[in-house]
Protein backbone atom coordinates (compact mmCIF):
# COMPACT_ATOMS: atom_id res chain seq x y z
CA MET A 1 141.59 194.01 61.75
CA ASN A 2 141.20 197.77 62.16
CA THR A 3 138.61 198.40 64.89
CA ASN A 4 139.53 202.07 65.35
CA ILE A 5 137.80 203.43 62.26
CA GLU A 6 137.03 207.14 62.30
CA TYR A 7 133.74 207.72 60.56
CA ARG A 8 133.08 210.91 58.65
CA ASP A 9 130.43 213.54 59.26
CA GLY A 10 126.98 212.70 57.96
CA LEU A 11 126.86 209.14 59.28
CA ASP A 12 123.49 209.56 61.03
CA GLU A 13 121.94 211.21 57.97
CA LEU A 14 123.27 208.43 55.75
CA ALA A 15 121.73 205.81 58.07
CA ALA A 16 118.39 207.63 57.98
CA HIS A 17 118.40 207.49 54.18
CA TYR A 18 119.15 203.75 54.23
CA LYS A 19 116.23 203.26 56.62
CA GLU A 20 114.00 204.99 54.09
CA VAL A 21 115.43 202.82 51.28
CA LEU A 22 114.52 199.68 53.23
CA THR A 23 110.96 200.98 53.58
CA LEU A 24 110.75 201.79 49.86
CA LEU A 25 111.92 198.25 49.06
CA GLY A 26 108.95 196.87 51.02
CA GLU A 27 110.78 195.92 54.21
CA ASP A 28 110.07 196.79 57.81
CA PRO A 29 113.24 198.51 59.09
CA THR A 30 112.01 198.17 62.69
CA ARG A 31 112.03 194.37 62.71
CA GLU A 32 114.79 192.67 64.70
CA GLY A 33 117.00 191.61 61.80
CA LEU A 34 116.94 195.05 60.17
CA GLU A 35 116.83 197.34 63.16
CA LYS A 36 120.57 198.10 63.09
CA THR A 37 121.03 197.60 59.34
CA PRO A 38 120.77 201.27 58.28
CA MET A 39 123.69 202.26 60.52
CA ARG A 40 125.68 199.17 59.54
CA VAL A 41 125.27 200.02 55.86
CA ALA A 42 126.11 203.69 56.46
CA LYS A 43 129.34 202.68 58.22
CA ALA A 44 130.17 200.15 55.51
CA MET A 45 129.68 202.75 52.77
CA GLN A 46 131.96 205.20 54.55
CA VAL A 47 134.65 202.53 54.74
CA LEU A 48 134.14 201.55 51.08
CA THR A 49 134.50 205.21 50.02
CA ARG A 50 137.31 206.23 52.38
CA GLY A 51 139.48 207.08 49.38
CA TYR A 52 137.76 210.46 49.09
CA THR A 53 139.54 211.62 52.26
CA GLN A 54 143.01 210.29 51.34
CA ASP A 55 145.72 211.89 49.20
CA PRO A 56 147.47 209.36 46.92
CA HIS A 57 150.14 211.88 45.86
CA LYS A 58 151.17 212.40 49.49
CA VAL A 59 151.38 208.63 49.99
CA LEU A 60 153.97 208.42 47.21
CA THR A 61 156.01 211.45 48.31
CA ASP A 62 156.09 210.32 51.95
CA ALA A 63 158.39 207.48 50.85
CA LEU A 64 160.33 209.09 48.01
CA PHE A 65 163.98 208.10 47.66
CA GLU A 66 166.71 209.24 45.31
CA GLU A 67 167.96 206.24 43.39
CA LYS A 68 169.75 205.81 40.04
CA TYR A 69 167.89 202.60 39.19
CA ASN A 70 166.29 203.06 35.75
CA GLN A 71 164.86 199.64 34.91
CA MET A 72 161.26 198.54 35.22
CA VAL A 73 159.70 198.29 38.68
CA ILE A 74 156.58 196.11 38.74
CA VAL A 75 154.12 195.55 41.57
CA LYS A 76 151.69 192.93 40.30
CA ASP A 77 148.66 191.05 41.61
CA ILE A 78 147.49 193.92 43.84
CA ASP A 79 144.08 192.81 45.08
CA PHE A 80 141.46 195.54 45.06
CA PHE A 81 137.75 196.00 45.66
CA SER A 82 135.77 198.95 44.38
CA MET A 83 132.19 200.11 43.89
CA CYS A 84 130.75 200.68 40.42
CA GLU A 85 129.22 204.15 40.30
CA HIS A 86 126.45 203.04 37.93
CA HIS A 87 124.76 200.50 40.22
CA ILE A 88 126.66 200.85 43.53
CA LEU A 89 127.68 197.21 43.25
CA PRO A 90 131.20 195.86 43.79
CA PHE A 91 133.80 195.10 41.20
CA TYR A 92 137.03 193.44 42.20
CA GLY A 93 140.19 191.93 40.84
CA LYS A 94 143.90 192.59 40.47
CA ALA A 95 145.93 195.60 39.44
CA HIS A 96 149.41 195.38 37.92
CA VAL A 97 151.51 198.54 38.03
CA ALA A 98 154.88 199.26 36.44
CA TYR A 99 157.04 202.34 36.28
CA ILE A 100 160.57 203.13 35.10
CA PRO A 101 162.28 205.41 37.63
CA ASN A 102 163.92 208.64 36.57
CA GLY A 103 166.11 209.40 39.58
CA HIS A 104 163.54 208.61 42.27
CA ILE A 105 161.75 205.51 43.55
CA THR A 106 158.94 205.13 46.05
CA GLY A 107 158.26 202.48 48.67
CA LEU A 108 156.75 199.41 47.02
CA SER A 109 153.81 199.31 49.42
CA LYS A 110 152.97 202.88 48.40
CA VAL A 111 152.10 201.70 44.90
CA ALA A 112 149.55 199.31 46.39
CA ARG A 113 148.26 202.13 48.62
CA VAL A 114 147.61 204.29 45.56
CA VAL A 115 145.51 201.46 44.09
CA ASP A 116 143.67 201.16 47.41
CA ILE A 117 142.89 204.88 47.65
CA PHE A 118 141.49 205.26 44.15
CA SER A 119 139.55 201.98 44.38
CA HIS A 120 137.86 203.17 47.59
CA ARG A 121 135.80 205.72 45.67
CA LEU A 122 132.78 205.28 43.42
CA GLN A 123 134.43 204.22 40.17
CA VAL A 124 134.38 202.86 36.69
CA GLN A 125 137.26 200.55 35.83
CA GLU A 126 138.46 202.68 32.94
CA ARG A 127 138.85 205.80 35.10
CA LEU A 128 140.41 203.85 37.96
CA THR A 129 143.11 202.60 35.58
CA GLU A 130 143.86 206.13 34.33
CA GLN A 131 143.86 207.68 37.80
CA ILE A 132 146.46 205.22 39.12
CA LYS A 133 148.66 205.80 36.06
CA ASP A 134 148.33 209.59 36.20
CA CYS A 135 149.05 209.74 39.94
CA ILE A 136 152.29 207.77 39.62
CA GLN A 137 153.36 209.61 36.46
CA ASP A 138 152.60 213.09 37.83
CA THR A 139 154.08 212.48 41.29
CA LEU A 140 157.23 210.45 40.56
CA GLN A 141 157.93 211.84 37.07
CA PRO A 142 159.25 208.44 35.91
CA LEU A 143 160.36 207.62 32.38
CA GLY A 144 157.03 205.83 31.96
CA THR A 145 154.12 204.23 33.79
CA MET A 146 151.76 201.40 32.89
CA VAL A 147 148.73 199.99 34.69
CA ILE A 148 146.66 196.93 33.83
CA ILE A 149 143.51 196.04 35.75
CA GLU A 150 141.61 192.75 35.49
CA ALA A 151 138.25 192.70 37.24
CA LYS A 152 134.92 190.98 37.69
CA HIS A 153 131.85 193.20 37.98
CA MET A 154 128.91 192.20 40.15
CA CYS A 155 126.64 194.41 38.02
CA MET A 156 127.33 191.97 35.17
CA GLN A 157 127.20 188.85 37.35
CA MET A 158 124.13 189.51 39.51
CA ARG A 159 121.92 191.59 37.21
CA GLY A 160 121.59 192.57 33.57
CA ILE A 161 123.47 190.12 31.35
CA GLU A 162 124.25 187.78 34.32
CA LYS A 163 127.54 186.45 32.96
CA GLN A 164 129.44 185.11 35.97
CA ASN A 165 132.75 184.31 34.30
CA SER A 166 133.42 187.46 32.31
CA ILE A 167 136.57 189.43 33.12
CA THR A 168 137.16 193.02 32.05
CA THR A 169 140.74 194.14 31.32
CA THR A 170 141.80 197.78 31.02
CA SER A 171 145.21 199.35 30.48
CA ALA A 172 146.76 202.80 30.55
CA PHE A 173 150.35 203.78 29.81
CA SER A 174 152.61 206.77 29.32
CA GLY A 175 156.17 207.72 28.47
CA ALA A 176 158.47 204.80 27.65
CA PHE A 177 155.48 202.44 27.62
CA ASN A 178 154.28 204.11 24.42
CA GLN A 179 156.86 201.87 22.78
CA ALA A 180 155.43 198.45 21.92
CA LYS A 181 158.67 196.72 22.97
CA THR A 182 158.46 198.13 26.51
CA ARG A 183 154.79 197.19 26.85
CA GLU A 184 155.61 193.70 25.60
CA GLU A 185 158.35 193.33 28.23
CA PHE A 186 155.84 194.30 30.94
CA MET A 187 153.26 191.83 29.62
CA ASN A 188 155.86 189.02 29.49
CA LEU A 189 156.91 189.73 33.07
CA LEU A 190 153.27 189.60 34.18
CA LYS A 191 152.97 186.11 32.73
CA THR A 192 155.96 184.90 34.74
CA GLU A 193 154.92 182.61 37.55
CA THR A 194 155.51 184.25 40.92
CA LYS A 195 157.66 181.95 43.03
CA ARG A 196 156.74 181.58 46.66
CA ILE A 197 159.50 182.92 48.89
């Protein structure tokens, strides 16, 4: 657990706004249970949006290695949590990322870090999918990149249509993945049961 979080400027102002929100909702922000809530929420929101201060391209280039491997590299089942920009409610799920190297590879954990950075911003799932794909494609210049995201949205589960079991799937691809055969190979590999090591 990271207890050494550096909070950004504006934390006090953010907390003051949340105190006003509590009042507008009909609560008493001075009562015992809510007294520290505005600052707690302000800190939580800064953590949940920390991706604005991080550079996903630098993450990839910090662990860039020359390698002649030119087959598919897949990092699947990357857990992520994000905040829907329409209702400021969470959506969460798994991202599956594949790329075909073109002379360079990156550290496997860096692919997951790219997902983490873009998901820690106010998002819509469609844009999140494209941003991950574009970042890997633009930075590594691989032969192709593909991203699939499967997510549940609290804005659909808790409000509005209130459908608890719906899952939204988005995909984005480039380069070699424009070929149906390559996409099909990726999809088949995703279906393969991951063996516990």
